[in-house]
């Protein structure tokens, strides 16, 4: 259960952040946001990216940024920095992936037959565990169509969740929260059942499970009412450098640091 800011005990141990609609503005990390991430690094606060984007993106993001780890595919594949190398942690046994992928592609055929114009996202070719249906990135479908796809996929036994741009679906064995707990235990050396000293910033429905247990869940200004209701605090939207605001207010300022 999240706590009021005043009840957080001690300094923040790490910042977890969503990507689309949170860390990026129109697909780009703006200078103010990147500078805020650099300031966290200088302060010794690890930053972990938690996204529905593909494993291929995660490997590149970790290589080019000051991040400690990148959770991709909503927990399907996590990349962890180990010196000059990267370690990859799967959310499911690798041996099960071929059969899951076969089932997922068959399910996509069923969804496409029911919802005209729907298709896999262009980044699905870079995915290792889940797949993504594009409803609001290069394709312009309604929320109702996206939710129909979610319902159909869940009926076939998949974990399916709608983000601001995609419907991600795959094996039901993982989500953003399960991957956050893996990072806390295996990378940060913390207790995965006690997330009181972690800040989590996000804007999508797939962030709510992590919001429910993070010490300080922070919603972006552009988040839906459901997401904002699940958060403890809120900041400006991506056009107002909301992540930089969260870093300043909830991490650096309590440490006596500022931009």
Protein backbone atom coordinates (compact mmCIF):
# COMPACT_ATOMS: atom_id res chain seq x y z
CA UNK A 1 0.00 0.00 0.00
CA UNK A 2 1.42 3.38 -0.97
CA UNK A 3 2.06 5.97 1.74
CA UNK A 4 1.75 9.77 1.96
CA UNK A 5 5.01 11.50 1.13
CA UNK A 6 5.48 12.61 4.71
CA UNK A 7 5.43 8.98 5.88
CA UNK A 8 8.18 7.74 3.58
CA UNK A 9 11.05 6.56 5.76
CA UNK A 10 14.43 7.94 4.79
CA UNK A 11 15.74 8.75 1.32
CA UNK A 12 14.36 7.22 -1.86
CA UNK A 13 16.22 4.03 -2.82
CA UNK A 14 15.41 4.19 -6.56
CA UNK A 15 13.14 5.77 -9.13
CA UNK A 16 11.09 3.56 -11.46
CA UNK A 17 9.61 5.27 -14.51
CA UNK A 18 7.35 4.39 -17.41
CA UNK A 19 8.49 5.50 -20.88
CA UNK A 20 5.72 6.54 -23.32
CA UNK A 21 3.78 9.54 -22.06
CA UNK A 22 6.02 9.72 -19.01
CA UNK A 23 9.71 9.93 -19.86
CA UNK A 24 9.18 10.84 -23.52
CA UNK A 25 7.45 13.74 -25.25
CA UNK A 26 6.20 12.77 -28.71
CA UNK A 27 8.61 9.85 -28.68
CA UNK A 28 11.67 11.85 -27.56
CA UNK A 29 13.48 12.30 -24.25
CA UNK A 30 13.68 16.07 -23.86
CA UNK A 31 16.79 17.83 -22.57
CA UNK A 32 15.20 18.77 -19.23
CA UNK A 33 14.22 15.16 -18.58
CA UNK A 34 17.63 13.79 -19.48
CA UNK A 35 19.29 16.42 -17.29
CA UNK A 36 17.07 15.33 -14.38
CA UNK A 37 18.13 11.72 -14.90
CA UNK A 38 21.78 12.80 -14.88
CA UNK A 39 21.18 14.66 -11.61
CA UNK A 40 19.78 11.49 -10.06
CA UNK A 41 22.91 9.63 -11.13
CA UNK A 42 25.08 12.30 -9.51
CA UNK A 43 23.01 11.92 -6.34
CA UNK A 44 23.52 8.16 -6.35
CA UNK A 45 19.85 7.33 -6.95
CA UNK A 46 19.38 4.44 -9.41
CA UNK A 47 16.84 4.87 -12.22
CA UNK A 48 14.98 1.90 -13.69
CA UNK A 49 12.87 2.22 -16.83
CA UNK A 50 9.68 0.11 -16.88
CA UNK A 51 8.04 -0.03 -20.29
CA UNK A 52 5.88 -2.05 -22.63
CA UNK A 53 8.31 -1.36 -25.45
CA UNK A 54 10.29 -4.26 -26.97
CA UNK A 55 13.45 -5.98 -25.78
CA UNK A 56 15.34 -4.56 -28.76
CA UNK A 57 14.62 -1.04 -27.55
CA UNK A 58 15.56 -1.92 -23.97
CA UNK A 59 19.01 -3.16 -24.90
CA UNK A 60 19.72 0.06 -26.80
CA UNK A 61 18.25 2.31 -24.08
CA UNK A 62 20.38 0.72 -21.39
CA UNK A 63 23.50 1.04 -23.56
CA UNK A 64 23.01 4.75 -24.26
CA UNK A 65 21.66 6.06 -20.96
CA UNK A 66 22.51 6.35 -17.23
CA UNK A 67 19.86 3.76 -16.33
CA UNK A 68 20.58 0.86 -13.97
CA UNK A 69 18.10 -1.49 -15.64
CA UNK A 70 15.32 -1.52 -18.23
CA UNK A 71 12.18 -3.61 -17.82
CA UNK A 72 10.71 -4.19 -21.27
CA UNK A 73 7.62 -5.88 -22.70
CA UNK A 74 5.73 -5.13 -19.47
CA UNK A 75 8.01 -7.43 -17.51
CA UNK A 76 8.69 -10.01 -20.21
CA UNK A 77 12.38 -9.16 -20.58
CA UNK A 78 14.55 -7.16 -18.17
CA UNK A 79 18.03 -5.89 -19.03
CA UNK A 80 20.39 -5.22 -16.11
CA UNK A 81 23.70 -3.39 -16.22
CA UNK A 82 26.63 -5.45 -14.91
CA UNK A 83 29.80 -3.43 -15.44
CA UNK A 84 30.31 -3.12 -19.19
CA UNK A 85 27.94 -5.99 -19.89
CA UNK A 86 24.20 -6.54 -19.76
CA UNK A 87 22.33 -9.42 -18.16
CA UNK A 88 18.93 -10.47 -19.50
CA UNK A 89 16.17 -11.81 -17.23
CA UNK A 90 13.05 -13.37 -18.77
CA UNK A 91 9.63 -13.25 -17.18
CA UNK A 92 8.94 -16.81 -18.36
CA UNK A 93 11.19 -19.83 -19.03
CA UNK A 94 12.87 -19.31 -22.38
CA UNK A 95 12.03 -22.88 -23.40
CA UNK A 96 8.31 -22.06 -23.38
CA UNK A 97 8.57 -19.08 -25.72
CA UNK A 98 8.19 -20.83 -29.12
CA UNK A 99 4.79 -22.27 -28.17
CA UNK A 100 3.62 -19.03 -26.59
CA UNK A 101 4.61 -17.08 -29.69
CA UNK A 102 2.75 -19.53 -31.93
CA UNK A 103 -0.40 -19.10 -29.86
CA UNK A 104 -0.04 -15.33 -29.78
CA UNK A 105 0.21 -15.02 -33.55
CA UNK A 106 -2.81 -17.26 -33.99
CA UNK A 107 -4.75 -15.08 -31.57
CA UNK A 108 -3.81 -11.98 -33.57
CA UNK A 109 -5.48 -13.50 -36.62
CA UNK A 110 -8.69 -13.95 -34.63
CA UNK A 111 -8.58 -10.34 -33.38
CA UNK A 112 -7.90 -8.95 -36.85
CA UNK A 113 -10.89 -10.86 -38.23
CA UNK A 114 -13.14 -9.15 -35.68
CA UNK A 115 -11.72 -5.61 -35.60
CA UNK A 116 -11.10 -4.01 -39.04
CA UNK A 117 -7.87 -2.03 -39.36
CA UNK A 118 -6.16 -3.52 -36.34
CA UNK A 119 -2.59 -4.77 -36.71
CA UNK A 120 0.58 -5.60 -34.82
CA UNK A 121 2.75 -2.66 -33.86
CA UNK A 122 5.78 -1.91 -35.98
CA UNK A 123 8.03 -2.63 -32.99
CA UNK A 124 6.68 -6.18 -32.57
CA UNK A 125 9.52 -7.49 -34.75
CA UNK A 126 11.92 -6.51 -31.96
CA UNK A 127 9.98 -8.35 -29.22
CA UNK A 128 11.11 -11.60 -27.58
CA UNK A 129 8.23 -12.49 -25.24
CA UNK A 130 5.06 -10.47 -25.80
CA UNK A 131 3.44 -8.90 -28.87
CA UNK A 132 1.81 -5.50 -29.23
CA UNK A 133 -1.26 -4.39 -31.14
CA UNK A 134 -1.11 -0.81 -32.37
CA UNK A 135 -4.27 1.13 -31.62
CA UNK A 136 -2.99 4.69 -31.10
CA UNK A 137 0.54 5.13 -32.50
CA UNK A 138 0.66 4.59 -36.28
CA UNK A 139 -2.94 3.37 -36.28
CA UNK A 140 -5.94 5.42 -35.20
CA UNK A 141 -8.52 3.16 -33.52
CA UNK A 142 -10.96 3.89 -30.73
CA UNK A 143 -10.54 3.03 -27.07
CA UNK A 144 -13.54 0.73 -27.49
CA UNK A 145 -11.74 -1.21 -30.23
CA UNK A 146 -8.64 -1.49 -28.06
CA UNK A 147 -10.71 -2.77 -25.13
CA UNK A 148 -12.44 -5.30 -27.41
CA UNK A 149 -9.02 -6.63 -28.34
CA UNK A 150 -8.04 -6.82 -24.66
CA UNK A 151 -11.19 -8.78 -23.87
CA UNK A 152 -10.69 -11.24 -26.75
CA UNK A 153 -7.07 -11.89 -25.81
CA UNK A 154 -7.85 -12.43 -22.15
CA UNK A 155 -10.54 -14.93 -23.11
CA UNK A 156 -7.80 -16.92 -24.87
CA UNK A 157 -5.71 -17.03 -21.70
CA UNK A 158 -3.29 -14.18 -22.34
CA UNK A 159 -2.30 -11.32 -20.11
CA UNK A 160 -3.50 -8.27 -22.07
CA UNK A 161 -3.32 -4.62 -21.06
CA UNK A 162 -3.85 -1.35 -22.87
CA UNK A 163 -1.21 1.38 -22.77
CA UNK A 164 -1.45 4.85 -24.28
CA UNK A 165 -0.43 3.50 -27.68
CA UNK A 166 -0.60 -0.32 -27.69
CA UNK A 167 -2.41 -3.38 -26.43
CA UNK A 168 0.35 -5.62 -25.12
CA UNK A 169 -0.36 -9.32 -24.71
CA UNK A 170 1.54 -12.45 -23.83
CA UNK A 171 1.93 -15.17 -21.18
CA UNK A 172 0.01 -14.46 -17.95
CA UNK A 173 3.06 -15.08 -15.75
CA UNK A 174 4.44 -11.54 -15.44
CA UNK A 175 3.63 -7.85 -15.39
CA UNK A 176 5.40 -4.59 -14.61
CA UNK A 177 5.06 -5.16 -10.87
CA UNK A 178 6.57 -8.66 -10.91
CA UNK A 179 9.56 -7.32 -12.87
CA UNK A 180 9.96 -4.37 -10.49
CA UNK A 181 10.14 -6.85 -7.60
CA UNK A 182 12.81 -8.87 -9.44
CA UNK A 183 14.89 -5.72 -9.92
CA UNK A 184 14.46 -4.72 -6.27
CA UNK A 185 15.59 -8.13 -5.04
CA UNK A 186 18.23 -9.21 -7.56
CA UNK A 187 19.70 -5.85 -8.56
CA UNK A 188 19.07 -3.39 -5.73
CA UNK A 189 19.40 -5.97 -2.94
CA UNK A 190 16.10 -4.94 -1.36
CA UNK A 191 13.04 -6.72 -0.06
CA UNK A 192 10.61 -7.28 -2.96
CA UNK A 193 7.69 -7.31 -0.53
CA UNK A 194 8.56 -3.88 0.87
CA UNK A 195 8.60 -1.15 -1.79
CA UNK A 196 8.03 1.75 0.61
CA UNK A 197 11.22 3.58 -0.34
CA UNK A 198 10.73 3.52 -4.09
CA UNK A 199 9.13 6.16 -6.31
CA UNK A 200 7.21 4.95 -9.37
CA UNK A 201 6.13 7.43 -12.08
CA UNK A 202 3.68 6.43 -14.82
CA UNK A 203 0.65 7.35 -16.87
CA UNK A 204 -0.93 4.12 -18.12
CA UNK A 205 -3.28 1.39 -16.95
CA UNK A 206 -0.39 -1.06 -16.98
CA UNK A 207 1.27 1.00 -14.23
CA UNK A 208 -1.56 0.65 -11.72
CA UNK A 209 -0.43 -2.69 -10.27
CA UNK A 210 2.93 -1.12 -9.38
CA UNK A 211 1.18 2.00 -8.07
CA UNK A 212 -0.69 -0.15 -5.57
CA UNK A 213 2.49 -1.16 -3.73
CA UNK A 214 5.11 1.52 -4.47
CA UNK A 215 5.99 3.80 -1.57
CA UNK A 216 5.21 6.85 -3.70
CA UNK A 217 3.23 6.31 -6.92
CA UNK A 218 3.20 9.46 -9.06
CA UNK A 219 0.82 9.99 -12.00
CA UNK A 220 1.68 12.14 -14.97
CA UNK A 221 -0.65 15.02 -15.78
CA UNK A 222 -1.88 13.33 -18.95
CA UNK A 223 -2.90 10.11 -17.18
CA UNK A 224 -6.46 8.85 -17.21
CA UNK A 225 -8.74 9.30 -14.21
CA UNK A 226 -8.22 5.64 -13.19
CA UNK A 227 -4.45 6.04 -13.14
CA UNK A 228 -4.57 9.35 -11.27
CA UNK A 229 -6.93 7.83 -8.70
CA UNK A 230 -4.42 5.03 -8.04
CA UNK A 231 -1.52 7.45 -7.52
CA UNK A 232 -0.54 9.23 -4.32
CA UNK A 233 0.83 12.33 -6.06
CA UNK A 234 0.62 13.89 -9.52
CA UNK A 235 2.87 16.14 -11.60
CA UNK A 236 2.61 18.01 -14.90
CA UNK A 237 2.27 16.25 -18.24
CA UNK A 238 5.13 15.46 -20.61
CA UNK A 239 4.91 18.90 -22.21
CA UNK A 240 5.51 20.42 -18.78
CA UNK A 241 8.52 18.21 -17.94
CA UNK A 242 6.50 16.18 -15.45
CA UNK A 243 9.22 13.60 -14.77
CA UNK A 244 11.75 16.35 -14.06
CA UNK A 245 9.22 17.82 -11.64
CA UNK A 246 8.78 14.45 -9.91
CA UNK A 247 12.52 14.01 -9.58
CA UNK A 248 12.94 17.49 -8.10
CA UNK A 249 9.98 17.36 -5.68
CA UNK A 250 10.06 13.78 -4.47
CA UNK A 251 13.71 12.69 -4.74
CA UNK A 252 16.21 15.56 -4.87
CA UNK A 253 14.51 18.18 -2.71
CA UNK A 254 14.10 15.84 0.31
CA UNK A 255 17.83 15.10 -0.03
CA UNK A 256 18.68 18.81 0.10
CA UNK A 257 19.59 18.89 -3.58
CA UNK A 258 18.01 20.88 -6.38
CA UNK A 259 18.53 21.71 -10.04
